């Protein structure tokens, strides 16, 4: 190539380093994108969710509510922790509902407010992750 052996070595070394750097960049970029993709529905159901049993309790206006929830968590350790804290989950639900009236729980806003309050209460208990979503799976008021 060039008459100088040193110059040939420098150019070849720079070319190899450029190829290695580009390959490493694309590999790490692809890995970061794959890691940041949201979990699939089957992953959520199998590995990242905890359901409550059906809970029946009275509201502050002497009405009764039957409700159940599904809580989505951030990781598998959080699922294990939340499963062990099921008694605290039930207690949090009972405390939240005891201050609500039928009117408080009407419509989308009422359900959303209850889900948000439950999520915040549970995240205050969690150590190994967090509750990312709370879904109301059943709600009947009489």
C-alpha atoms as a PDB file:
ATOM      1  CA  UNK A   1       0.000   0.000   0.000  1.00  0.00           C
ATOM      2  CA  UNK A   2       2.226   2.835   1.266  1.00  0.00           C
ATOM      3  CA  UNK A   3       5.994   2.686   1.312  1.00  0.00           C
ATOM      4  CA  UNK A   4       6.119   3.292   5.061  1.00  0.00           C
ATOM      5  CA  UNK A   5       5.372   0.195   7.127  1.00  0.00           C
ATOM      6  CA  UNK A   6       4.387   2.327  10.137  1.00  0.00           C
ATOM      7  CA  UNK A   7       1.839   4.278   8.124  1.00  0.00           C
ATOM      8  CA  UNK A   8       0.311   1.021   6.835  1.00  0.00           C
ATOM      9  CA  UNK A   9       0.008  -0.300  10.410  1.00  0.00           C
ATOM     10  CA  UNK A  10      -1.628   2.940  11.643  1.00  0.00           C
ATOM     11  CA  UNK A  11      -4.166   2.992   8.790  1.00  0.00           C
ATOM     12  CA  UNK A  12      -5.068  -0.697   9.240  1.00  0.00           C
ATOM     13  CA  UNK A  13      -5.383  -0.244  13.022  1.00  0.00           C
ATOM     14  CA  UNK A  14      -7.638   2.790  12.563  1.00  0.00           C
ATOM     15  CA  UNK A  15      -9.815   0.926  10.067  1.00  0.00           C
ATOM     16  CA  UNK A  16     -10.178  -2.069  12.417  1.00  0.00           C
ATOM     17  CA  UNK A  17     -10.994   0.199  15.365  1.00  0.00           C
ATOM     18  CA  UNK A  18     -13.608   2.050  13.284  1.00  0.00           C
ATOM     19  CA  UNK A  19     -15.317  -1.209  12.297  1.00  0.00           C
ATOM     20  CA  UNK A  20     -15.247  -2.493  15.891  1.00  0.00           C
ATOM     21  CA  UNK A  21     -16.611   0.818  17.253  1.00  0.00           C
ATOM     22  CA  UNK A  22     -19.431   0.922  14.693  1.00  0.00           C
ATOM     23  CA  UNK A  23     -20.357  -2.702  15.409  1.00  0.00           C
ATOM     24  CA  UNK A  24     -20.352  -2.098  19.155  1.00  0.00           C
ATOM     25  CA  UNK A  25     -22.495   1.030  18.751  1.00  0.00           C
ATOM     26  CA  UNK A  26     -25.138  -0.785  16.683  1.00  0.00           C
ATOM     27  CA  UNK A  27     -25.151  -3.791  19.034  1.00  0.00           C
ATOM     28  CA  UNK A  28     -25.612  -1.680  22.175  1.00  0.00           C
ATOM     29  CA  UNK A  29     -28.191   0.559  20.489  1.00  0.00           C
ATOM     30  CA  UNK A  30     -30.232  -2.471  19.401  1.00  0.00           C
ATOM     31  CA  UNK A  31     -29.984  -4.007  22.877  1.00  0.00           C
ATOM     32  CA  UNK A  32     -31.159  -0.755  24.530  1.00  0.00           C
ATOM     33  CA  UNK A  33     -34.139  -0.491  22.171  1.00  0.00           C
ATOM     34  CA  UNK A  34     -35.133  -4.106  22.818  1.00  0.00           C
ATOM     35  CA  UNK A  35     -34.932  -3.573  26.568  1.00  0.00           C
ATOM     36  CA  UNK A  36     -37.061  -0.428  26.490  1.00  0.00           C
ATOM     37  CA  UNK A  37     -39.931  -2.025  24.560  1.00  0.00           C
ATOM     38  CA  UNK A  38     -43.112  -2.405  26.608  1.00  0.00           C
ATOM     39  CA  UNK A  39     -44.021  -5.869  27.910  1.00  0.00           C
ATOM     40  CA  UNK A  40     -46.455  -7.950  25.898  1.00  0.00           C
ATOM     41  CA  UNK A  41     -49.910  -8.789  27.208  1.00  0.00           C
ATOM     42  CA  UNK A  42     -48.895 -12.383  27.927  1.00  0.00           C
ATOM     43  CA  UNK A  43     -45.829 -11.193  29.900  1.00  0.00           C
ATOM     44  CA  UNK A  44     -48.047  -8.869  31.928  1.00  0.00           C
ATOM     45  CA  UNK A  45     -50.585 -11.581  32.712  1.00  0.00           C
ATOM     46  CA  UNK A  46     -48.020 -14.295  33.526  1.00  0.00           C
ATOM     47  CA  UNK A  47     -45.192 -12.398  35.174  1.00  0.00           C
ATOM     48  CA  UNK A  48     -46.178  -8.844  36.024  1.00  0.00           C
ATOM     49  CA  UNK A  49     -49.673  -8.863  37.509  1.00  0.00           C
ATOM     50  CA  UNK A  50     -51.419  -9.694  40.764  1.00  0.00           C
ATOM     51  CA  UNK A  51     -55.188 -10.014  41.080  1.00  0.00           C
ATOM     52  CA  UNK A  52     -57.251  -9.450  44.171  1.00  0.00           C
ATOM     53  CA  UNK A  53     -60.059 -11.681  45.252  1.00  0.00           C
ATOM     54  CA  UNK A  54     -63.547 -10.283  45.075  1.00  0.00           C
ATOM     55  CA  UNK A  55     -63.962  -7.810  47.953  1.00  0.00           C
ATOM     56  CA  UNK A  56     -67.370  -6.829  49.316  1.00  0.00           C
ATOM     57  CA  UNK A  57     -67.622  -3.966  51.768  1.00  0.00           C
ATOM     58  CA  UNK A  58     -69.837  -1.061  52.730  1.00  0.00           C
ATOM     59  CA  UNK A  59     -69.343   2.509  51.578  1.00  0.00           C
ATOM     60  CA  UNK A  60     -69.704   5.587  53.763  1.00  0.00           C
ATOM     61  CA  UNK A  61     -73.276   6.179  52.521  1.00  0.00           C
ATOM     62  CA  UNK A  62     -74.452   2.714  53.663  1.00  0.00           C
ATOM     63  CA  UNK A  63     -74.304   1.240  50.155  1.00  0.00           C
ATOM     64  CA  UNK A  64     -72.388  -1.965  49.423  1.00  0.00           C
ATOM     65  CA  UNK A  65     -69.706  -2.470  46.802  1.00  0.00           C
ATOM     66  CA  UNK A  66     -68.292  -5.641  45.301  1.00  0.00           C
ATOM     67  CA  UNK A  67     -64.977  -4.952  43.594  1.00  0.00           C
ATOM     68  CA  UNK A  68     -61.847  -6.691  42.330  1.00  0.00           C
ATOM     69  CA  UNK A  69     -58.619  -5.378  40.829  1.00  0.00           C
ATOM     70  CA  UNK A  70     -55.639  -6.458  38.762  1.00  0.00           C
ATOM     71  CA  UNK A  71     -52.390  -4.681  39.602  1.00  0.00           C
ATOM     72  CA  UNK A  72     -49.543  -4.524  37.076  1.00  0.00           C
ATOM     73  CA  UNK A  73     -46.068  -4.264  38.598  1.00  0.00           C
ATOM     74  CA  UNK A  74     -42.678  -3.189  37.258  1.00  0.00           C
ATOM     75  CA  UNK A  75     -40.787  -6.481  37.663  1.00  0.00           C
ATOM     76  CA  UNK A  76     -41.005 -10.085  38.874  1.00  0.00           C
ATOM     77  CA  UNK A  77     -39.602  -9.250  42.318  1.00  0.00           C
ATOM     78  CA  UNK A  78     -42.370  -6.690  42.755  1.00  0.00           C
ATOM     79  CA  UNK A  79     -44.939  -9.352  41.831  1.00  0.00           C
ATOM     80  CA  UNK A  80     -43.568 -11.684  44.508  1.00  0.00           C
ATOM     81  CA  UNK A  81     -43.586  -8.881  47.074  1.00  0.00           C
ATOM     82  CA  UNK A  82     -47.114  -7.758  46.215  1.00  0.00           C
ATOM     83  CA  UNK A  83     -48.364 -11.347  46.408  1.00  0.00           C
ATOM     84  CA  UNK A  84     -46.905 -11.627  49.911  1.00  0.00           C
ATOM     85  CA  UNK A  85     -48.473  -8.278  50.836  1.00  0.00           C
ATOM     86  CA  UNK A  86     -51.963  -9.379  49.747  1.00  0.00           C
ATOM     87  CA  UNK A  87     -53.338  -8.731  53.242  1.00  0.00           C
ATOM     88  CA  UNK A  88     -52.044  -5.142  53.048  1.00  0.00           C
ATOM     89  CA  UNK A  89     -53.540  -4.763  49.567  1.00  0.00           C
ATOM     90  CA  UNK A  90     -56.944  -5.845  50.870  1.00  0.00           C
ATOM     91  CA  UNK A  91     -56.578  -3.512  53.840  1.00  0.00           C
ATOM     92  CA  UNK A  92     -55.696  -0.575  51.579  1.00  0.00           C
ATOM     93  CA  UNK A  93     -58.742  -1.278  49.418  1.00  0.00           C
ATOM     94  CA  UNK A  94     -61.032  -1.419  52.452  1.00  0.00           C
ATOM     95  CA  UNK A  95     -59.624   1.835  53.845  1.00  0.00           C
ATOM     96  CA  UNK A  96     -60.018   3.632  50.530  1.00  0.00           C
ATOM     97  CA  UNK A  97     -63.574   2.396  49.979  1.00  0.00           C
ATOM     98  CA  UNK A  98     -64.723   3.152  53.526  1.00  0.00           C
ATOM     99  CA  UNK A  99     -64.416   6.899  52.824  1.00  0.00           C
ATOM    100  CA  UNK A 100     -66.162   6.767  49.439  1.00  0.00           C
ATOM    101  CA  UNK A 101     -69.805   7.191  48.556  1.00  0.00           C
ATOM    102  CA  UNK A 102     -71.672   5.762  45.610  1.00  0.00           C
ATOM    103  CA  UNK A 103     -71.444   9.165  43.928  1.00  0.00           C
ATOM    104  CA  UNK A 104     -67.635   9.234  44.375  1.00  0.00           C
ATOM    105  CA  UNK A 105     -67.315   5.980  42.421  1.00  0.00           C
ATOM    106  CA  UNK A 106     -69.622   6.817  39.512  1.00  0.00           C
ATOM    107  CA  UNK A 107     -68.300   7.195  35.973  1.00  0.00           C
ATOM    108  CA  UNK A 108     -64.830   6.947  34.558  1.00  0.00           C
ATOM    109  CA  UNK A 109     -63.457   9.673  36.807  1.00  0.00           C
ATOM    110  CA  UNK A 110     -64.606   7.853  39.936  1.00  0.00           C
ATOM    111  CA  UNK A 111     -62.978   4.590  38.872  1.00  0.00           C
ATOM    112  CA  UNK A 112     -59.793   6.352  37.746  1.00  0.00           C
ATOM    113  CA  UNK A 113     -59.518   8.244  41.041  1.00  0.00           C
ATOM    114  CA  UNK A 114     -59.912   4.989  43.001  1.00  0.00           C
ATOM    115  CA  UNK A 115     -57.295   3.216  40.854  1.00  0.00           C
ATOM    116  CA  UNK A 116     -54.849   6.102  41.245  1.00  0.00           C
ATOM    117  CA  UNK A 117     -55.343   6.283  45.014  1.00  0.00           C
ATOM    118  CA  UNK A 118     -54.827   2.515  45.338  1.00  0.00           C
ATOM    119  CA  UNK A 119     -51.697   2.626  43.174  1.00  0.00           C
ATOM    120  CA  UNK A 120     -50.230   5.464  45.275  1.00  0.00           C
ATOM    121  CA  UNK A 121     -51.066   3.673  48.536  1.00  0.00           C
ATOM    122  CA  UNK A 122     -49.483   0.413  47.365  1.00  0.00           C
ATOM    123  CA  UNK A 123     -46.357   2.117  46.026  1.00  0.00           C
ATOM    124  CA  UNK A 124     -45.858   3.531  49.522  1.00  0.00           C
ATOM    125  CA  UNK A 125     -45.552  -0.065  50.770  1.00  0.00           C
ATOM    126  CA  UNK A 126     -43.406  -1.544  47.991  1.00  0.00           C
ATOM    127  CA  UNK A 127     -39.654  -2.109  48.333  1.00  0.00           C
ATOM    128  CA  UNK A 128     -38.766  -4.331  45.316  1.00  0.00           C
ATOM    129  CA  UNK A 129     -40.405  -2.344  42.550  1.00  0.00           C
ATOM    130  CA  UNK A 130     -43.607  -0.466  42.017  1.00  0.00           C
ATOM    131  CA  UNK A 131     -47.191  -0.821  40.906  1.00  0.00           C
ATOM    132  CA  UNK A 132     -47.374   0.660  37.403  1.00  0.00           C
ATOM    133  CA  UNK A 133     -51.124   0.264  36.730  1.00  0.00           C
ATOM    134  CA  UNK A 134     -54.246  -0.699  38.644  1.00  0.00           C
ATOM    135  CA  UNK A 135     -57.160  -2.070  36.633  1.00  0.00           C
ATOM    136  CA  UNK A 136     -60.653  -2.431  38.040  1.00  0.00           C
ATOM    137  CA  UNK A 137     -61.901  -5.820  36.812  1.00  0.00           C
ATOM    138  CA  UNK A 138     -65.255  -5.832  38.627  1.00  0.00           C
ATOM    139  CA  UNK A 139     -67.401  -3.195  40.321  1.00  0.00           C
ATOM    140  CA  UNK A 140     -70.973  -3.531  41.517  1.00  0.00           C
ATOM    141  CA  UNK A 141     -72.637  -1.065  43.901  1.00  0.00           C
ATOM    142  CA  UNK A 142     -75.940  -1.782  45.621  1.00  0.00           C
END
